[in-house]
Amino acid sequence: MTQISIALIVFLFPLAYSPGPGNMFFAANGARFGLMATLRANFGYHLATWLVTLAIGLGFVTALDRYPSAFLILKTAGSLYVLWLAWKLFRSGVLQDSEAARPASFWDGVTLLVLNPKAYVIIALMFTQFLPESNSVRMVAVLGITTVFTLNNFIAFLVWTMIGDQIASRFRSPDSARRLNTLFGSLLALVALWMFLT
């Protein structure tokens, strides 16, 4: 399992640390609210990651193959959800009322993962590459791969959140904060478009 874990981390590194819906979401929230305020959403996202990855590893992919329309529904819903998050970020840059913007919740994190079809593709691809053929060790391998994948993503999201937090520390005035929120909102909107078109 150690060799599989090392190969898996090498395989996942560019996927986990490159900009994507999850990373941009947490970078934006880190910029707006700081690292500590994003932890609930991060835990929500990664609890959902672990459960979804386990389900796929145990055969959920077969169900998606039988019902391809489910993928299109998830893709559309995920794109709309990320677009809605981008709109919330735009609005937080305009409104000064403290009620106008709040840190992402545990359930926002769960929703972001569940409605991200790219995650399903990456997870399915990962299992096709790293799941052993032997039935006798398959269950242990599924649990191990699921856990390594989830922890690797969790660390990547913490890194992106800290990057967002550090960027925001240089933008504390209202005008600078508004520009920063507009930038991150634009990035999230582009991610939503990318999710929908690919």
C-alpha atoms as a PDB file:
ATOM      1  CA  MET A   1       0.000   0.000   0.000  1.00  0.00           C
ATOM      2  CA  THR A   2       2.968   2.339   0.619  1.00  0.00           C
ATOM      3  CA  GLN A   3       4.090   2.168  -3.015  1.00  0.00           C
ATOM      4  CA  ILE A   4       0.528   2.750  -4.203  1.00  0.00           C
ATOM      5  CA  SER A   5       0.212   5.751  -1.853  1.00  0.00           C
ATOM      6  CA  ILE A   6       3.409   7.372  -3.166  1.00  0.00           C
ATOM      7  CA  ALA A   7       2.391   6.811  -6.801  1.00  0.00           C
ATOM      8  CA  LEU A   8      -1.103   8.100  -6.000  1.00  0.00           C
ATOM      9  CA  ILE A   9       0.210  11.313  -4.418  1.00  0.00           C
ATOM     10  CA  VAL A  10       2.469  11.934  -7.442  1.00  0.00           C
ATOM     11  CA  PHE A  11      -0.531  11.343  -9.728  1.00  0.00           C
ATOM     12  CA  LEU A  12      -2.807  13.628  -7.678  1.00  0.00           C
ATOM     13  CA  PHE A  13      -0.363  16.480  -7.019  1.00  0.00           C
ATOM     14  CA  PRO A  14      -1.019  18.502 -10.198  1.00  0.00           C
ATOM     15  CA  LEU A  15      -4.752  17.819  -9.936  1.00  0.00           C
ATOM     16  CA  ALA A  16      -5.020  18.810  -6.272  1.00  0.00           C
ATOM     17  CA  TYR A  17      -2.816  21.920  -6.330  1.00  0.00           C
ATOM     18  CA  SER A  18      -3.792  23.450  -9.677  1.00  0.00           C
ATOM     19  CA  PRO A  19      -6.625  26.023  -9.785  1.00  0.00           C
ATOM     20  CA  GLY A  20     -10.057  24.423  -9.876  1.00  0.00           C
ATOM     21  CA  PRO A  21     -13.532  24.953  -8.404  1.00  0.00           C
ATOM     22  CA  GLY A  22     -12.598  23.793  -4.912  1.00  0.00           C
ATOM     23  CA  ASN A  23      -9.265  25.593  -4.739  1.00  0.00           C
ATOM     24  CA  MET A  24     -10.684  28.876  -6.052  1.00  0.00           C
ATOM     25  CA  PHE A  25     -13.651  28.619  -3.690  1.00  0.00           C
ATOM     26  CA  PHE A  26     -11.390  28.214  -0.647  1.00  0.00           C
ATOM     27  CA  ALA A  27      -8.866  30.812  -1.828  1.00  0.00           C
ATOM     28  CA  ALA A  28     -11.711  33.293  -2.217  1.00  0.00           C
ATOM     29  CA  ASN A  29     -13.145  32.458   1.198  1.00  0.00           C
ATOM     30  CA  GLY A  30      -9.691  32.615   2.767  1.00  0.00           C
ATOM     31  CA  ALA A  31      -9.194  36.041   1.233  1.00  0.00           C
ATOM     32  CA  ARG A  32     -12.540  37.281   2.479  1.00  0.00           C
ATOM     33  CA  PHE A  33     -12.765  35.698   5.931  1.00  0.00           C
ATOM     34  CA  GLY A  34      -9.384  34.198   6.840  1.00  0.00           C
ATOM     35  CA  LEU A  35      -8.182  30.637   7.301  1.00  0.00           C
ATOM     36  CA  MET A  36     -10.023  29.751  10.508  1.00  0.00           C
ATOM     37  CA  ALA A  37     -13.417  30.819   9.164  1.00  0.00           C
ATOM     38  CA  THR A  38     -13.116  28.402   6.234  1.00  0.00           C
ATOM     39  CA  LEU A  39     -12.444  25.280   8.285  1.00  0.00           C
ATOM     40  CA  ARG A  40     -16.114  24.280   8.626  1.00  0.00           C
ATOM     41  CA  ALA A  41     -16.606  24.357   4.858  1.00  0.00           C
ATOM     42  CA  ASN A  42     -13.294  22.538   4.371  1.00  0.00           C
ATOM     43  CA  PHE A  43     -14.364  19.749   6.730  1.00  0.00           C
ATOM     44  CA  GLY A  44     -17.745  19.546   4.981  1.00  0.00           C
ATOM     45  CA  TYR A  45     -16.124  19.313   1.580  1.00  0.00           C
ATOM     46  CA  HIS A  46     -13.713  16.612   2.651  1.00  0.00           C
ATOM     47  CA  LEU A  47     -16.204  14.517   4.596  1.00  0.00           C
ATOM     48  CA  ALA A  48     -18.272  14.502   1.393  1.00  0.00           C
ATOM     49  CA  THR A  49     -15.084  13.736  -0.588  1.00  0.00           C
ATOM     50  CA  TRP A  50     -14.333  10.702   1.563  1.00  0.00           C
ATOM     51  CA  LEU A  51     -17.900   9.357   1.341  1.00  0.00           C
ATOM     52  CA  VAL A  52     -18.279   9.955  -2.413  1.00  0.00           C
ATOM     53  CA  THR A  53     -14.839   8.506  -3.140  1.00  0.00           C
ATOM     54  CA  LEU A  54     -15.651   5.418  -1.086  1.00  0.00           C
ATOM     55  CA  ALA A  55     -18.980   5.013  -2.899  1.00  0.00           C
ATOM     56  CA  ILE A  56     -17.312   5.314  -6.301  1.00  0.00           C
ATOM     57  CA  GLY A  57     -14.624   2.880  -5.268  1.00  0.00           C
ATOM     58  CA  LEU A  58     -17.297   0.378  -4.274  1.00  0.00           C
ATOM     59  CA  GLY A  59     -19.132   0.585  -7.569  1.00  0.00           C
ATOM     60  CA  PHE A  60     -20.919   3.914  -7.903  1.00  0.00           C
ATOM     61  CA  VAL A  61     -19.207   4.423 -11.256  1.00  0.00           C
ATOM     62  CA  THR A  62     -21.238   1.548 -12.683  1.00  0.00           C
ATOM     63  CA  ALA A  63     -24.434   3.388 -11.806  1.00  0.00           C
ATOM     64  CA  LEU A  64     -23.219   6.559 -13.553  1.00  0.00           C
ATOM     65  CA  ASP A  65     -22.367   4.473 -16.639  1.00  0.00           C
ATOM     66  CA  ARG A  66     -25.935   3.165 -16.685  1.00  0.00           C
ATOM     67  CA  TYR A  67     -27.434   6.633 -16.230  1.00  0.00           C
ATOM     68  CA  PRO A  68     -25.307   9.104 -18.234  1.00  0.00           C
ATOM     69  CA  SER A  69     -27.949  11.824 -17.799  1.00  0.00           C
ATOM     70  CA  ALA A  70     -27.005  11.928 -14.101  1.00  0.00           C
ATOM     71  CA  PHE A  71     -23.584  13.271 -15.105  1.00  0.00           C
ATOM     72  CA  LEU A  72     -25.135  16.056 -17.204  1.00  0.00           C
ATOM     73  CA  ILE A  73     -27.457  17.016 -14.333  1.00  0.00           C
ATOM     74  CA  LEU A  74     -24.529  17.154 -11.875  1.00  0.00           C
ATOM     75  CA  LYS A  75     -22.438  19.133 -14.340  1.00  0.00           C
ATOM     76  CA  THR A  76     -25.157  21.740 -14.866  1.00  0.00           C
ATOM     77  CA  ALA A  77     -26.083  21.966 -11.182  1.00  0.00           C
ATOM     78  CA  GLY A  78     -22.423  22.247 -10.157  1.00  0.00           C
ATOM     79  CA  SER A  79     -21.748  25.031 -12.657  1.00  0.00           C
ATOM     80  CA  LEU A  80     -24.804  26.982 -11.472  1.00  0.00           C
ATOM     81  CA  TYR A  81     -23.824  26.525  -7.833  1.00  0.00           C
ATOM     82  CA  VAL A  82     -20.275  27.848  -8.398  1.00  0.00           C
ATOM     83  CA  LEU A  83     -21.751  30.754 -10.394  1.00  0.00           C
ATOM     84  CA  TRP A  84     -24.045  31.524  -7.449  1.00  0.00           C
ATOM     85  CA  LEU A  85     -21.021  31.490  -5.110  1.00  0.00           C
ATOM     86  CA  ALA A  86     -19.262  33.916  -7.476  1.00  0.00           C
ATOM     87  CA  TRP A  87     -22.307  36.220  -7.360  1.00  0.00           C
ATOM     88  CA  LYS A  88     -22.259  36.127  -3.551  1.00  0.00           C
ATOM     89  CA  LEU A  89     -18.597  37.149  -3.640  1.00  0.00           C
ATOM     90  CA  PHE A  90     -19.344  40.044  -6.021  1.00  0.00           C
ATOM     91  CA  ARG A  91     -22.097  41.205  -3.673  1.00  0.00           C
ATOM     92  CA  SER A  92     -19.836  40.995  -0.636  1.00  0.00           C
ATOM     93  CA  GLY A  93     -17.526  43.456  -2.326  1.00  0.00           C
ATOM     94  CA  VAL A  94     -20.329  45.992  -2.692  1.00  0.00           C
ATOM     95  CA  LEU A  95     -22.330  45.735   0.507  1.00  0.00           C
ATOM     96  CA  GLN A  96     -20.874  46.960   3.778  1.00  0.00           C
ATOM     97  CA  ASP A  97     -23.501  45.361   5.990  1.00  0.00           C
ATOM     98  CA  SER A  98     -21.917  42.573   8.063  1.00  0.00           C
ATOM     99  CA  GLU A  99     -24.945  40.399   7.288  1.00  0.00           C
ATOM    100  CA  ALA A 100     -24.283  40.653   3.567  1.00  0.00           C
ATOM    101  CA  ALA A 101     -21.381  38.195   3.539  1.00  0.00           C
ATOM    102  CA  ARG A 102     -20.699  35.235   5.775  1.00  0.00           C
ATOM    103  CA  PRO A 103     -18.062  32.514   5.697  1.00  0.00           C
ATOM    104  CA  ALA A 104     -18.987  29.379   3.796  1.00  0.00           C
ATOM    105  CA  SER A 105     -20.709  26.808   5.974  1.00  0.00           C
ATOM    106  CA  PHE A 106     -20.137  23.090   6.456  1.00  0.00           C
ATOM    107  CA  TRP A 107     -23.041  22.448   4.058  1.00  0.00           C
ATOM    108  CA  ASP A 108     -21.619  24.814   1.431  1.00  0.00           C
ATOM    109  CA  GLY A 109     -18.530  22.619   1.425  1.00  0.00           C
ATOM    110  CA  VAL A 110     -20.614  19.440   1.101  1.00  0.00           C
ATOM    111  CA  THR A 111     -22.670  20.944  -1.732  1.00  0.00           C
ATOM    112  CA  LEU A 112     -19.601  22.119  -3.627  1.00  0.00           C
ATOM    113  CA  LEU A 113     -18.207  18.584  -3.708  1.00  0.00           C
ATOM    114  CA  VAL A 114     -21.476  16.795  -4.465  1.00  0.00           C
ATOM    115  CA  LEU A 115     -22.245  19.126  -7.395  1.00  0.00           C
ATOM    116  CA  ASN A 116     -18.738  18.990  -8.877  1.00  0.00           C
ATOM    117  CA  PRO A 117     -18.777  16.424 -11.708  1.00  0.00           C
ATOM    118  CA  LYS A 118     -15.044  16.906 -12.298  1.00  0.00           C
ATOM    119  CA  ALA A 119     -14.454  15.322  -8.902  1.00  0.00           C
ATOM    120  CA  TYR A 120     -16.356  12.214 -10.001  1.00  0.00           C
ATOM    121  CA  VAL A 121     -14.267  11.924 -13.168  1.00  0.00           C
ATOM    122  CA  ILE A 122     -10.973  12.308 -11.284  1.00  0.00           C
ATOM    123  CA  ILE A 123     -12.049   9.796  -8.634  1.00  0.00           C
ATOM    124  CA  ALA A 124     -13.154   7.248 -11.247  1.00  0.00           C
ATOM    125  CA  LEU A 125      -9.899   7.718 -13.181  1.00  0.00           C
ATOM    126  CA  MET A 126      -7.908   7.318  -9.984  1.00  0.00           C
ATOM    127  CA  PHE A 127      -9.520   3.968  -9.195  1.00  0.00           C
ATOM    128  CA  THR A 128      -8.974   2.659 -12.721  1.00  0.00           C
ATOM    129  CA  GLN A 129      -5.256   3.375 -12.306  1.00  0.00           C
ATOM    130  CA  PHE A 130      -4.597   2.335  -8.711  1.00  0.00           C
ATOM    131  CA  LEU A 131      -7.172  -0.256  -7.647  1.00  0.00           C
ATOM    132  CA  PRO A 132      -5.524  -3.699  -7.536  1.00  0.00           C
ATOM    133  CA  GLU A 133      -7.034  -6.520  -9.566  1.00  0.00           C
ATOM    134  CA  SER A 134      -7.030  -8.958  -6.658  1.00  0.00           C
ATOM    135  CA  ASN A 135     -10.429  -9.154  -4.942  1.00  0.00           C
ATOM    136  CA  SER A 136      -8.815 -10.206  -1.675  1.00  0.00           C
ATOM    137  CA  VAL A 137      -7.225  -6.788  -1.054  1.00  0.00           C
ATOM    138  CA  ARG A 138      -9.651  -4.592  -2.976  1.00  0.00           C
ATOM    139  CA  MET A 139     -11.683  -3.396   0.040  1.00  0.00           C
ATOM    140  CA  VAL A 140      -8.545  -2.409   1.965  1.00  0.00           C
ATOM    141  CA  ALA A 141      -7.185  -0.684  -1.159  1.00  0.00           C
ATOM    142  CA  VAL A 142     -10.441   1.261  -1.655  1.00  0.00           C
ATOM    143  CA  LEU A 143     -10.282   2.503   1.950  1.00  0.00           C
ATOM    144  CA  GLY A 144      -6.595   3.405   1.634  1.00  0.00           C
ATOM    145  CA  ILE A 145      -6.940   5.184  -1.720  1.00  0.00           C
ATOM    146  CA  THR A 146     -10.027   7.052  -0.475  1.00  0.00           C
ATOM    147  CA  THR A 147      -8.200   8.268   2.621  1.00  0.00           C
ATOM    148  CA  VAL A 148      -4.991   9.295   0.823  1.00  0.00           C
ATOM    149  CA  PHE A 149      -7.003  11.140  -1.835  1.00  0.00           C
ATOM    150  CA  THR A 150      -9.077  12.994   0.776  1.00  0.00           C
ATOM    151  CA  LEU A 151      -6.108  13.994   2.959  1.00  0.00           C
ATOM    152  CA  ASN A 152      -4.121  15.167  -0.069  1.00  0.00           C
ATOM    153  CA  ASN A 153      -7.030  17.375  -1.188  1.00  0.00           C
ATOM    154  CA  PHE A 154      -7.549  18.679   2.337  1.00  0.00           C
ATOM    155  CA  ILE A 155      -3.921  19.845   2.512  1.00  0.00           C
ATOM    156  CA  ALA A 156      -4.149  21.406  -0.962  1.00  0.00           C
ATOM    157  CA  PHE A 157      -7.246  23.363   0.058  1.00  0.00           C
ATOM    158  CA  LEU A 158      -5.544  24.578   3.226  1.00  0.00           C
ATOM    159  CA  VAL A 159      -2.626  25.828   1.116  1.00  0.00           C
ATOM    160  CA  TRP A 160      -4.980  27.681  -1.262  1.00  0.00           C
ATOM    161  CA  THR A 161      -6.915  29.121   1.680  1.00  0.00           C
ATOM    162  CA  MET A 162      -3.693  30.421   3.253  1.00  0.00           C
ATOM    163  CA  ILE A 163      -2.682  31.939  -0.094  1.00  0.00           C
ATOM    164  CA  GLY A 164      -6.028  33.734  -0.267  1.00  0.00           C
ATOM    165  CA  ASP A 165      -5.676  34.869   3.346  1.00  0.00           C
ATOM    166  CA  GLN A 166      -2.171  36.244   2.705  1.00  0.00           C
ATOM    167  CA  ILE A 167      -3.282  38.076  -0.421  1.00  0.00           C
ATOM    168  CA  ALA A 168      -6.180  39.628   1.483  1.00  0.00           C
ATOM    169  CA  SER A 169      -3.903  40.852   4.279  1.00  0.00           C
ATOM    170  CA  ARG A 170      -2.522  43.327   1.743  1.00  0.00           C
ATOM    171  CA  PHE A 171      -6.011  44.524   0.786  1.00  0.00           C
ATOM    172  CA  ARG A 172      -7.601  45.740   4.022  1.00  0.00           C
ATOM    173  CA  SER A 173      -9.098  49.029   2.815  1.00  0.00           C
ATOM    174  CA  PRO A 174     -12.730  48.909   1.566  1.00  0.00           C
ATOM    175  CA  ASP A 175     -11.741  49.795  -2.016  1.00  0.00           C
ATOM    176  CA  SER A 176      -8.974  47.194  -2.079  1.00  0.00           C
ATOM    177  CA  ALA A 177     -11.242  44.573  -0.536  1.00  0.00           C
ATOM    178  CA  ARG A 178     -13.872  45.330  -3.179  1.00  0.00           C
ATOM    179  CA  ARG A 179     -11.317  44.871  -5.968  1.00  0.00           C
ATOM    180  CA  LEU A 180     -10.069  41.626  -4.427  1.00  0.00           C
ATOM    181  CA  ASN A 181     -13.611  40.251  -4.065  1.00  0.00           C
ATOM    182  CA  THR A 182     -14.343  41.214  -7.668  1.00  0.00           C
ATOM    183  CA  LEU A 183     -11.186  39.406  -8.793  1.00  0.00           C
ATOM    184  CA  PHE A 184     -12.017  36.213  -6.902  1.00  0.00           C
ATOM    185  CA  GLY A 185     -15.666  36.427  -7.938  1.00  0.00           C
ATOM    186  CA  SER A 186     -14.541  36.694 -11.571  1.00  0.00           C
ATOM    187  CA  LEU A 187     -12.266  33.679 -11.144  1.00  0.00           C
ATOM    188  CA  LEU A 188     -15.120  31.635  -9.673  1.00  0.00           C
ATOM    189  CA  ALA A 189     -17.421  32.703 -12.501  1.00  0.00           C
ATOM    190  CA  LEU A 190     -14.786  31.569 -15.038  1.00  0.00           C
ATOM    191  CA  VAL A 191     -14.458  28.258 -13.178  1.00  0.00           C
ATOM    192  CA  ALA A 192     -18.266  27.829 -13.387  1.00  0.00           C
ATOM    193  CA  LEU A 193     -18.137  28.445 -17.152  1.00  0.00           C
ATOM    194  CA  TRP A 194     -15.225  26.021 -17.506  1.00  0.00           C
ATOM    195  CA  MET A 195     -17.127  23.353 -15.533  1.00  0.00           C
ATOM    196  CA  PHE A 196     -20.154  23.771 -17.792  1.00  0.00           C
ATOM    197  CA  LEU A 197     -18.304  23.758 -21.116  1.00  0.00           C
ATOM    198  CA  THR A 198     -15.906  20.873 -20.492  1.00  0.00           C
END
